[in-house]
All heavy atoms as atom14 arrays in JSON, in Angstrom:
{
  "sequence": "GWLRLCPVAHPALASAGTGDVLAGAIAGLLAQGMSAFNAASAGVY",
  "atom14_mask": [
    [1, 1, 1, 1, 0, 0, 0, 0, 0, 0, 0, 0, 0, 0],
    [1, 1, 1, 1, 1, 1, 1, 1, 1, 1, 1, 1, 1, 1],
    [1, 1, 1, 1, 1, 1, 1, 1, 0, 0, 0, 0, 0, 0],
    [1, 1, 1, 1, 1, 1, 1, 1, 1, 1, 1, 0, 0, 0],
    [1, 1, 1, 1, 1, 1, 1, 1, 0, 0, 0, 0, 0, 0],
    [1, 1, 1, 1, 1, 1, 0, 0, 0, 0, 0, 0, 0, 0],
    [1, 1, 1, 1, 1, 1, 1, 0, 0, 0, 0, 0, 0, 0],
    [1, 1, 1, 1, 1, 1, 1, 0, 0, 0, 0, 0, 0, 0],
    [1, 1, 1, 1, 1, 0, 0, 0, 0, 0, 0, 0, 0, 0],
    [1, 1, 1, 1, 1, 1, 1, 1, 1, 1, 0, 0, 0, 0],
    [1, 1, 1, 1, 1, 1, 1, 0, 0, 0, 0, 0, 0, 0],
    [1, 1, 1, 1, 1, 0, 0, 0, 0, 0, 0, 0, 0, 0],
    [1, 1, 1, 1, 1, 1, 1, 1, 0, 0, 0, 0, 0, 0],
    [1, 1, 1, 1, 1, 0, 0, 0, 0, 0, 0, 0, 0, 0],
    [1, 1, 1, 1, 1, 1, 0, 0, 0, 0, 0, 0, 0, 0],
    [1, 1, 1, 1, 1, 0, 0, 0, 0, 0, 0, 0, 0, 0],
    [1, 1, 1, 1, 0, 0, 0, 0, 0, 0, 0, 0, 0, 0],
    [1, 1, 1, 1, 1, 1, 1, 0, 0, 0, 0, 0, 0, 0],
    [1, 1, 1, 1, 0, 0, 0, 0, 0, 0, 0, 0, 0, 0],
    [1, 1, 1, 1, 1, 1, 1, 1, 0, 0, 0, 0, 0, 0],
    [1, 1, 1, 1, 1, 1, 1, 0, 0, 0, 0, 0, 0, 0],
    [1, 1, 1, 1, 1, 1, 1, 1, 0, 0, 0, 0, 0, 0],
    [1, 1, 1, 1, 1, 0, 0, 0, 0, 0, 0, 0, 0, 0],
    [1, 1, 1, 1, 0, 0, 0, 0, 0, 0, 0, 0, 0, 0],
    [1, 1, 1, 1, 1, 0, 0, 0, 0, 0, 0, 0, 0, 0],
    [1, 1, 1, 1, 1, 1, 1, 1, 0, 0, 0, 0, 0, 0],
    [1, 1, 1, 1, 1, 0, 0, 0, 0, 0, 0, 0, 0, 0],
    [1, 1, 1, 1, 0, 0, 0, 0, 0, 0, 0, 0, 0, 0],
    [1, 1, 1, 1, 1, 1, 1, 1, 0, 0, 0, 0, 0, 0],
    [1, 1, 1, 1, 1, 1, 1, 1, 0, 0, 0, 0, 0, 0],
    [1, 1, 1, 1, 1, 0, 0, 0, 0, 0, 0, 0, 0, 0],
    [1, 1, 1, 1, 1, 1, 1, 1, 1, 0, 0, 0, 0, 0],
    [1, 1, 1, 1, 0, 0, 0, 0, 0, 0, 0, 0, 0, 0],
    [1, 1, 1, 1, 1, 1, 1, 1, 0, 0, 0, 0, 0, 0],
    [1, 1, 1, 1, 1, 1, 0, 0, 0, 0, 0, 0, 0, 0],
    [1, 1, 1, 1, 1, 0, 0, 0, 0, 0, 0, 0, 0, 0],
    [1, 1, 1, 1, 1, 1, 1, 1, 1, 1, 1, 0, 0, 0],
    [1, 1, 1, 1, 1, 1, 1, 1, 0, 0, 0, 0, 0, 0],
    [1, 1, 1, 1, 1, 0, 0, 0, 0, 0, 0, 0, 0, 0],
    [1, 1, 1, 1, 1, 0, 0, 0, 0, 0, 0, 0, 0, 0],
    [1, 1, 1, 1, 1, 1, 0, 0, 0, 0, 0, 0, 0, 0],
    [1, 1, 1, 1, 1, 0, 0, 0, 0, 0, 0, 0, 0, 0],
    [1, 1, 1, 1, 0, 0, 0, 0, 0, 0, 0, 0, 0, 0],
    [1, 1, 1, 1, 1, 1, 1, 0, 0, 0, 0, 0, 0, 0],
    [1, 1, 1, 1, 1, 1, 1, 1, 1, 1, 1, 1, 0, 0]
  ],
  "atom14_positions": [
    [[-7.98, -11.63, 10.76], [-7.99, -12.74, 9.81], [-8.52, -12.4, 8.43], [-8.62, -13.26, 7.56], [0.0, 0.0, 0.0], [0.0, 0.0, 0.0], [0.0, 0.0, 0.0], [0.0, 0.0, 0.0], [0.0, 0.0, 0.0], [0.0, 0.0, 0.0], [0.0, 0.0, 0.0], [0.0, 0.0, 0.0], [0.0, 0.0, 0.0], [0.0, 0.0, 0.0]],
    [[-8.86, -11.14, 8.18], [-9.32, -10.74, 6.85], [-8.13, -10.67, 5.91], [-7.02, -10.3, 6.3], [-10.01, -9.38, 6.89], [-11.17, -9.3, 7.82], [-12.06, -10.29, 8.14], [-11.55, -8.16, 8.59], [-12.98, -9.83, 9.04], [-12.69, -8.51, 9.35], [-11.05, -6.88, 8.71], [-13.33, -7.64, 10.19], [-11.69, -6.0, 9.56], [-12.82, -6.38, 10.29]],
    [[-8.39, -10.98, 4.65], [-7.35, -10.94, 3.63], [-7.83, -10.13, 2.44], [-9.0, -10.21, 2.06], [-7.02, -12.34, 3.11], [-6.13, -13.23, 3.94], [-6.0, -14.59, 3.27], [-4.77, -12.62, 4.15], [0.0, 0.0, 0.0], [0.0, 0.0, 0.0], [0.0, 0.0, 0.0], [0.0, 0.0, 0.0], [0.0, 0.0, 0.0], [0.0, 0.0, 0.0]],
    [[-6.9, -9.4, 1.86], [-7.14, -8.76, 0.58], [-5.9, -9.04, -0.27], [-4.79, -9.05, 0.24], [-7.34, -7.24, 0.73], [-8.66, -6.92, 1.41], [-8.89, -5.44, 1.54], [-10.18, -5.18, 2.16], [-10.44, -4.11, 2.9], [-9.51, -3.19, 3.11], [-11.63, -3.95, 3.43], [0.0, 0.0, 0.0], [0.0, 0.0, 0.0], [0.0, 0.0, 0.0]],
    [[-6.14, -9.24, -1.55], [-5.07, -9.53, -2.49], [-5.08, -8.44, -3.55], [-6.13, -8.18, -4.16], [-5.3, -10.9, -3.13], [-4.24, -11.44, -4.06], [-2.93, -11.67, -3.3], [-4.72, -12.74, -4.68], [0.0, 0.0, 0.0], [0.0, 0.0, 0.0], [0.0, 0.0, 0.0], [0.0, 0.0, 0.0], [0.0, 0.0, 0.0], [0.0, 0.0, 0.0]],
    [[-3.96, -7.8, -3.76], [-3.9, -6.73, -4.74], [-4.08, -7.31, -6.14], [-3.35, -8.21, -6.54], [-2.56, -5.99, -4.65], [-2.51, -4.55, -5.72], [0.0, 0.0, 0.0], [0.0, 0.0, 0.0], [0.0, 0.0, 0.0], [0.0, 0.0, 0.0], [0.0, 0.0, 0.0], [0.0, 0.0, 0.0], [0.0, 0.0, 0.0], [0.0, 0.0, 0.0]],
    [[-5.06, -6.79, -6.89], [-5.33, -7.35, -8.22], [-4.33, -6.91, -9.28], [-4.34, -7.45, -10.38], [-6.73, -6.82, -8.54], [-6.81, -5.54, -7.81], [-6.02, -5.74, -6.54], [0.0, 0.0, 0.0], [0.0, 0.0, 0.0], [0.0, 0.0, 0.0], [0.0, 0.0, 0.0], [0.0, 0.0, 0.0], [0.0, 0.0, 0.0], [0.0, 0.0, 0.0]],
    [[-3.49, -5.94, -8.99], [-2.53, -5.45, -9.98], [-1.11, -5.75, -9.51], [-0.81, -5.74, -8.32], [-2.69, -3.94, -10.28], [-3.99, -3.66, -10.97], [-2.57, -3.1, -9.02], [0.0, 0.0, 0.0], [0.0, 0.0, 0.0], [0.0, 0.0, 0.0], [0.0, 0.0, 0.0], [0.0, 0.0, 0.0], [0.0, 0.0, 0.0], [0.0, 0.0, 0.0]],
    [[-0.28, -6.04, -10.48], [1.16, -6.25, -10.24], [1.87, -5.9, -11.54], [1.41, -6.28, -12.61], [1.43, -7.69, -9.85], [0.0, 0.0, 0.0], [0.0, 0.0, 0.0], [0.0, 0.0, 0.0], [0.0, 0.0, 0.0], [0.0, 0.0, 0.0], [0.0, 0.0, 0.0], [0.0, 0.0, 0.0], [0.0, 0.0, 0.0], [0.0, 0.0, 0.0]],
    [[2.94, -5.17, -11.42], [3.66, -4.79, -12.63], [5.16, -4.87, -12.37], [5.62, -4.43, -11.32], [3.27, -3.37, -13.06], [3.66, -3.08, -14.48], [4.92, -2.72, -14.83], [2.95, -3.15, -15.62], [4.98, -2.56, -16.14], [3.78, -2.82, -16.64], [0.0, 0.0, 0.0], [0.0, 0.0, 0.0], [0.0, 0.0, 0.0], [0.0, 0.0, 0.0]],
    [[5.92, -5.4, -13.32], [7.37, -5.52, -13.14], [8.09, -4.18, -12.92], [9.19, -4.16, -12.38], [7.86, -6.18, -14.43], [6.67, -6.67, -15.13], [5.47, -5.99, -14.57], [0.0, 0.0, 0.0], [0.0, 0.0, 0.0], [0.0, 0.0, 0.0], [0.0, 0.0, 0.0], [0.0, 0.0, 0.0], [0.0, 0.0, 0.0], [0.0, 0.0, 0.0]],
    [[7.46, -3.08, -13.31], [8.08, -1.77, -13.09], [8.28, -1.5, -11.59], [9.14, -0.7, -11.21], [7.23, -0.66, -13.71], [0.0, 0.0, 0.0], [0.0, 0.0, 0.0], [0.0, 0.0, 0.0], [0.0, 0.0, 0.0], [0.0, 0.0, 0.0], [0.0, 0.0, 0.0], [0.0, 0.0, 0.0], [0.0, 0.0, 0.0], [0.0, 0.0, 0.0]],
    [[7.51, -2.18, -10.75], [7.64, -1.98, -9.3], [8.8, -2.76, -8.7], [9.09, -2.61, -7.52], [6.34, -2.36, -8.59], [5.15, -1.47, -8.93], [3.89, -2.02, -8.28], [5.42, -0.04, -8.48], [0.0, 0.0, 0.0], [0.0, 0.0, 0.0], [0.0, 0.0, 0.0], [0.0, 0.0, 0.0], [0.0, 0.0, 0.0], [0.0, 0.0, 0.0]],
    [[9.45, -3.59, -9.48], [10.56, -4.4, -8.98], [11.88, -3.63, -9.1], [12.83, -4.08, -9.73], [10.63, -5.72, -9.73], [0.0, 0.0, 0.0], [0.0, 0.0, 0.0], [0.0, 0.0, 0.0], [0.0, 0.0, 0.0], [0.0, 0.0, 0.0], [0.0, 0.0, 0.0], [0.0, 0.0, 0.0], [0.0, 0.0, 0.0], [0.0, 0.0, 0.0]],
    [[11.91, -2.45, -8.5], [13.15, -1.68, -8.5], [13.34, -1.06, -7.11], [12.38, -0.89, -6.35], [13.14, -0.6, -9.58], [12.16, 0.36, -9.35], [0.0, 0.0, 0.0], [0.0, 0.0, 0.0], [0.0, 0.0, 0.0], [0.0, 0.0, 0.0], [0.0, 0.0, 0.0], [0.0, 0.0, 0.0], [0.0, 0.0, 0.0], [0.0, 0.0, 0.0]],
    [[14.58, -0.76, -6.82], [14.93, -0.24, -5.49], [14.14, 1.01, -5.15], [13.98, 1.91, -5.99], [16.42, 0.06, -5.43], [0.0, 0.0, 0.0], [0.0, 0.0, 0.0], [0.0, 0.0, 0.0], [0.0, 0.0, 0.0], [0.0, 0.0, 0.0], [0.0, 0.0, 0.0], [0.0, 0.0, 0.0], [0.0, 0.0, 0.0], [0.0, 0.0, 0.0]],
    [[13.62, 1.04, -3.94], [12.93, 2.23, -3.44], [11.43, 2.24, -3.62], [10.75, 3.06, -3.0], [0.0, 0.0, 0.0], [0.0, 0.0, 0.0], [0.0, 0.0, 0.0], [0.0, 0.0, 0.0], [0.0, 0.0, 0.0], [0.0, 0.0, 0.0], [0.0, 0.0, 0.0], [0.0, 0.0, 0.0], [0.0, 0.0, 0.0], [0.0, 0.0, 0.0]],
    [[10.9, 1.34, -4.44], [9.45, 1.37, -4.64], [8.7, 0.96, -3.37], [7.59, 1.42, -3.13], [9.0, 0.5, -5.83], [9.44, -0.85, -5.62], [9.56, 1.03, -7.14], [0.0, 0.0, 0.0], [0.0, 0.0, 0.0], [0.0, 0.0, 0.0], [0.0, 0.0, 0.0], [0.0, 0.0, 0.0], [0.0, 0.0, 0.0], [0.0, 0.0, 0.0]],
    [[9.33, 0.12, -2.55], [8.72, -0.23, -1.26], [8.66, 0.96, -0.33], [7.73, 1.08, 0.48], [0.0, 0.0, 0.0], [0.0, 0.0, 0.0], [0.0, 0.0, 0.0], [0.0, 0.0, 0.0], [0.0, 0.0, 0.0], [0.0, 0.0, 0.0], [0.0, 0.0, 0.0], [0.0, 0.0, 0.0], [0.0, 0.0, 0.0], [0.0, 0.0, 0.0]],
    [[9.63, 1.86, -0.43], [9.61, 3.08, 0.37], [8.44, 3.98, -0.04], [7.78, 4.59, 0.8], [10.92, 3.85, 0.22], [12.12, 3.07, 0.73], [11.97, 2.33, 1.73], [13.19, 3.18, 0.12], [0.0, 0.0, 0.0], [0.0, 0.0, 0.0], [0.0, 0.0, 0.0], [0.0, 0.0, 0.0], [0.0, 0.0, 0.0], [0.0, 0.0, 0.0]],
    [[8.19, 4.03, -1.35], [7.04, 4.8, -1.84], [5.75, 4.19, -1.31], [4.84, 4.9, -0.86], [7.04, 4.87, -3.39], [5.77, 5.53, -3.91], [8.28, 5.61, -3.89], [0.0, 0.0, 0.0], [0.0, 0.0, 0.0], [0.0, 0.0, 0.0], [0.0, 0.0, 0.0], [0.0, 0.0, 0.0], [0.0, 0.0, 0.0], [0.0, 0.0, 0.0]],
    [[5.67, 2.87, -1.32], [4.49, 2.19, -0.79], [4.3, 2.51, 0.69], [3.19, 2.86, 1.12], [4.6, 0.68, -0.99], [3.52, -0.16, -0.31], [2.13, 0.21, -0.82], [3.8, -1.63, -0.5], [0.0, 0.0, 0.0], [0.0, 0.0, 0.0], [0.0, 0.0, 0.0], [0.0, 0.0, 0.0], [0.0, 0.0, 0.0], [0.0, 0.0, 0.0]],
    [[5.35, 2.4, 1.48], [5.26, 2.7, 2.92], [4.79, 4.13, 3.13], [3.95, 4.4, 4.0], [6.6, 2.45, 3.61], [0.0, 0.0, 0.0], [0.0, 0.0, 0.0], [0.0, 0.0, 0.0], [0.0, 0.0, 0.0], [0.0, 0.0, 0.0], [0.0, 0.0, 0.0], [0.0, 0.0, 0.0], [0.0, 0.0, 0.0], [0.0, 0.0, 0.0]],
    [[5.3, 5.06, 2.34], [4.88, 6.45, 2.46], [3.43, 6.66, 2.08], [2.71, 7.42, 2.73], [0.0, 0.0, 0.0], [0.0, 0.0, 0.0], [0.0, 0.0, 0.0], [0.0, 0.0, 0.0], [0.0, 0.0, 0.0], [0.0, 0.0, 0.0], [0.0, 0.0, 0.0], [0.0, 0.0, 0.0], [0.0, 0.0, 0.0], [0.0, 0.0, 0.0]],
    [[2.98, 5.97, 1.04], [1.57, 6.08, 0.63], [0.66, 5.56, 1.73], [-0.35, 6.19, 2.07], [1.34, 5.32, -0.68], [0.0, 0.0, 0.0], [0.0, 0.0, 0.0], [0.0, 0.0, 0.0], [0.0, 0.0, 0.0], [0.0, 0.0, 0.0], [0.0, 0.0, 0.0], [0.0, 0.0, 0.0], [0.0, 0.0, 0.0], [0.0, 0.0, 0.0]],
    [[1.01, 4.42, 2.31], [0.21, 3.85, 3.39], [0.2, 4.79, 4.59], [-0.85, 5.06, 5.18], [0.72, 2.45, 3.78], [0.51, 1.47, 2.63], [0.04, 1.96, 5.05], [1.2, 0.12, 2.82], [0.0, 0.0, 0.0], [0.0, 0.0, 0.0], [0.0, 0.0, 0.0], [0.0, 0.0, 0.0], [0.0, 0.0, 0.0], [0.0, 0.0, 0.0]],
    [[1.37, 5.31, 4.95], [1.45, 6.24, 6.09], [0.61, 7.49, 5.86], [-0.06, 7.99, 6.77], [2.92, 6.61, 6.36], [0.0, 0.0, 0.0], [0.0, 0.0, 0.0], [0.0, 0.0, 0.0], [0.0, 0.0, 0.0], [0.0, 0.0, 0.0], [0.0, 0.0, 0.0], [0.0, 0.0, 0.0], [0.0, 0.0, 0.0], [0.0, 0.0, 0.0]],
    [[0.63, 7.99, 4.63], [-0.17, 9.17, 4.31], [-1.66, 8.91, 4.46], [-2.4, 9.74, 5.01], [0.0, 0.0, 0.0], [0.0, 0.0, 0.0], [0.0, 0.0, 0.0], [0.0, 0.0, 0.0], [0.0, 0.0, 0.0], [0.0, 0.0, 0.0], [0.0, 0.0, 0.0], [0.0, 0.0, 0.0], [0.0, 0.0, 0.0], [0.0, 0.0, 0.0]],
    [[-2.12, 7.77, 4.0], [-3.54, 7.41, 4.14], [-3.9, 7.18, 5.6], [-4.98, 7.58, 6.05], [-3.85, 6.18, 3.29], [-3.71, 6.38, 1.78], [-3.73, 5.05, 1.04], [-4.79, 7.31, 1.26], [0.0, 0.0, 0.0], [0.0, 0.0, 0.0], [0.0, 0.0, 0.0], [0.0, 0.0, 0.0], [0.0, 0.0, 0.0], [0.0, 0.0, 0.0]],
    [[-3.01, 6.56, 6.33], [-3.21, 6.33, 7.77], [-3.31, 7.67, 8.51], [-4.21, 7.86, 9.34], [-2.05, 5.5, 8.3], [-2.15, 4.87, 9.67], [-3.31, 3.9, 9.75], [-0.84, 4.15, 9.99], [0.0, 0.0, 0.0], [0.0, 0.0, 0.0], [0.0, 0.0, 0.0], [0.0, 0.0, 0.0], [0.0, 0.0, 0.0], [0.0, 0.0, 0.0]],
    [[-2.45, 8.61, 8.15], [-2.45, 9.93, 8.79], [-3.73, 10.72, 8.49], [-4.11, 11.6, 9.25], [-1.23, 10.73, 8.34], [0.0, 0.0, 0.0], [0.0, 0.0, 0.0], [0.0, 0.0, 0.0], [0.0, 0.0, 0.0], [0.0, 0.0, 0.0], [0.0, 0.0, 0.0], [0.0, 0.0, 0.0], [0.0, 0.0, 0.0], [0.0, 0.0, 0.0]],
    [[-4.39, 10.37, 7.38], [-5.64, 11.05, 7.02], [-6.86, 10.42, 7.68], [-7.98, 10.83, 7.42], [-5.8, 11.04, 5.5], [-4.77, 11.91, 4.81], [-4.9, 11.84, 3.31], [-5.97, 12.13, 2.76], [-3.84, 11.45, 2.63], [0.0, 0.0, 0.0], [0.0, 0.0, 0.0], [0.0, 0.0, 0.0], [0.0, 0.0, 0.0], [0.0, 0.0, 0.0]],
    [[-6.64, 9.42, 8.53], [-7.73, 8.87, 9.32], [-8.27, 7.52, 8.88], [-9.23, 7.03, 9.47], [0.0, 0.0, 0.0], [0.0, 0.0, 0.0], [0.0, 0.0, 0.0], [0.0, 0.0, 0.0], [0.0, 0.0, 0.0], [0.0, 0.0, 0.0], [0.0, 0.0, 0.0], [0.0, 0.0, 0.0], [0.0, 0.0, 0.0], [0.0, 0.0, 0.0]],
    [[-7.69, 6.92, 7.87], [-8.15, 5.59, 7.48], [-7.72, 4.57, 8.53], [-6.7, 4.76, 9.19], [-7.56, 5.18, 6.12], [-8.11, 5.98, 4.95], [-7.44, 5.39, 3.36], [-8.64, 4.14, 2.98], [0.0, 0.0, 0.0], [0.0, 0.0, 0.0], [0.0, 0.0, 0.0], [0.0, 0.0, 0.0], [0.0, 0.0, 0.0], [0.0, 0.0, 0.0]],
    [[-8.48, 3.5, 8.66], [-8.07, 2.41, 9.54], [-6.81, 1.78, 8.97], [-6.51, 1.9, 7.78], [-9.18, 1.36, 9.63], [-9.28, 0.65, 8.41], [0.0, 0.0, 0.0], [0.0, 0.0, 0.0], [0.0, 0.0, 0.0], [0.0, 0.0, 0.0], [0.0, 0.0, 0.0], [0.0, 0.0, 0.0], [0.0, 0.0, 0.0], [0.0, 0.0, 0.0]],
    [[-6.07, 1.07, 9.82], [-4.81, 0.46, 9.38], [-5.04, -0.5, 8.21], [-4.31, -0.45, 7.21], [-4.14, -0.25, 10.55], [0.0, 0.0, 0.0], [0.0, 0.0, 0.0], [0.0, 0.0, 0.0], [0.0, 0.0, 0.0], [0.0, 0.0, 0.0], [0.0, 0.0, 0.0], [0.0, 0.0, 0.0], [0.0, 0.0, 0.0], [0.0, 0.0, 0.0]],
    [[-6.05, -1.35, 8.31], [-6.29, -2.33, 7.25], [-6.7, -1.65, 5.94], [-6.22, -2.01, 4.86], [-7.36, -3.33, 7.71], [-7.59, -4.48, 6.77], [-6.55, -5.31, 6.38], [-8.86, -4.75, 6.29], [-6.77, -6.39, 5.52], [-9.1, -5.82, 5.44], [-8.05, -6.64, 5.05], [0.0, 0.0, 0.0], [0.0, 0.0, 0.0], [0.0, 0.0, 0.0]],
    [[-7.56, -0.64, 6.03], [-7.99, 0.06, 4.82], [-6.88, 0.92, 4.23], [-6.74, 1.01, 3.01], [-9.24, 0.88, 5.09], [-10.48, 0.02, 5.23], [-10.53, -1.09, 4.7], [-11.46, 0.5, 5.95], [0.0, 0.0, 0.0], [0.0, 0.0, 0.0], [0.0, 0.0, 0.0], [0.0, 0.0, 0.0], [0.0, 0.0, 0.0], [0.0, 0.0, 0.0]],
    [[-6.08, 1.56, 5.08], [-4.95, 2.35, 4.59], [-3.95, 1.46, 3.87], [-3.44, 1.8, 2.79], [-4.28, 3.11, 5.73], [0.0, 0.0, 0.0], [0.0, 0.0, 0.0], [0.0, 0.0, 0.0], [0.0, 0.0, 0.0], [0.0, 0.0, 0.0], [0.0, 0.0, 0.0], [0.0, 0.0, 0.0], [0.0, 0.0, 0.0], [0.0, 0.0, 0.0]],
    [[-3.67, 0.3, 4.47], [-2.74, -0.64, 3.83], [-3.3, -1.13, 2.5], [-2.59, -1.17, 1.49], [-2.45, -1.81, 4.77], [0.0, 0.0, 0.0], [0.0, 0.0, 0.0], [0.0, 0.0, 0.0], [0.0, 0.0, 0.0], [0.0, 0.0, 0.0], [0.0, 0.0, 0.0], [0.0, 0.0, 0.0], [0.0, 0.0, 0.0], [0.0, 0.0, 0.0]],
    [[-4.57, -1.48, 2.49], [-5.2, -1.99, 1.27], [-5.23, -0.94, 0.17], [-4.87, -1.22, -0.98], [-6.63, -2.46, 1.58], [-6.63, -3.47, 2.54], [0.0, 0.0, 0.0], [0.0, 0.0, 0.0], [0.0, 0.0, 0.0], [0.0, 0.0, 0.0], [0.0, 0.0, 0.0], [0.0, 0.0, 0.0], [0.0, 0.0, 0.0], [0.0, 0.0, 0.0]],
    [[-5.67, 0.26, 0.51], [-5.74, 1.34, -0.48], [-4.35, 1.73, -0.96], [-4.13, 1.95, -2.16], [-6.47, 2.55, 0.1], [0.0, 0.0, 0.0], [0.0, 0.0, 0.0], [0.0, 0.0, 0.0], [0.0, 0.0, 0.0], [0.0, 0.0, 0.0], [0.0, 0.0, 0.0], [0.0, 0.0, 0.0], [0.0, 0.0, 0.0], [0.0, 0.0, 0.0]],
    [[-3.4, 1.81, -0.04], [-2.02, 2.15, -0.41], [-1.42, 1.13, -1.37], [-0.8, 1.49, -2.37], [0.0, 0.0, 0.0], [0.0, 0.0, 0.0], [0.0, 0.0, 0.0], [0.0, 0.0, 0.0], [0.0, 0.0, 0.0], [0.0, 0.0, 0.0], [0.0, 0.0, 0.0], [0.0, 0.0, 0.0], [0.0, 0.0, 0.0], [0.0, 0.0, 0.0]],
    [[-1.62, -0.14, -1.07], [-1.1, -1.21, -1.94], [-1.75, -1.13, -3.32], [-1.07, -1.22, -4.34], [-1.33, -2.6, -1.3], [-1.12, -3.71, -2.31], [-0.41, -2.78, -0.1], [0.0, 0.0, 0.0], [0.0, 0.0, 0.0], [0.0, 0.0, 0.0], [0.0, 0.0, 0.0], [0.0, 0.0, 0.0], [0.0, 0.0, 0.0], [0.0, 0.0, 0.0]],
    [[-3.05, -0.93, -3.36], [-3.75, -0.86, -4.64], [-3.29, 0.35, -5.46], [-2.97, 0.23, -6.65], [-5.26, -0.82, -4.43], [-6.01, -0.74, -5.74], [-5.99, -1.81, -6.63], [-6.71, 0.4, -6.1], [-6.65, -1.75, -7.84], [-7.37, 0.47, -7.31], [-7.34, -0.6, -8.18], [-7.99, -0.52, -9.39], [0.0, 0.0, 0.0], [0.0, 0.0, 0.0]]
  ]
}
């Protein structure tokens, strides 16, 4: 039930494939041992 809201948003991210980059960033942080919630939060930020 914890929530985090990303404080940054930029229209440059509204293009095809940027979600794939995000998924890869989160997966990379997860693979380095971060918890799922922290990897997702750090990756999004």
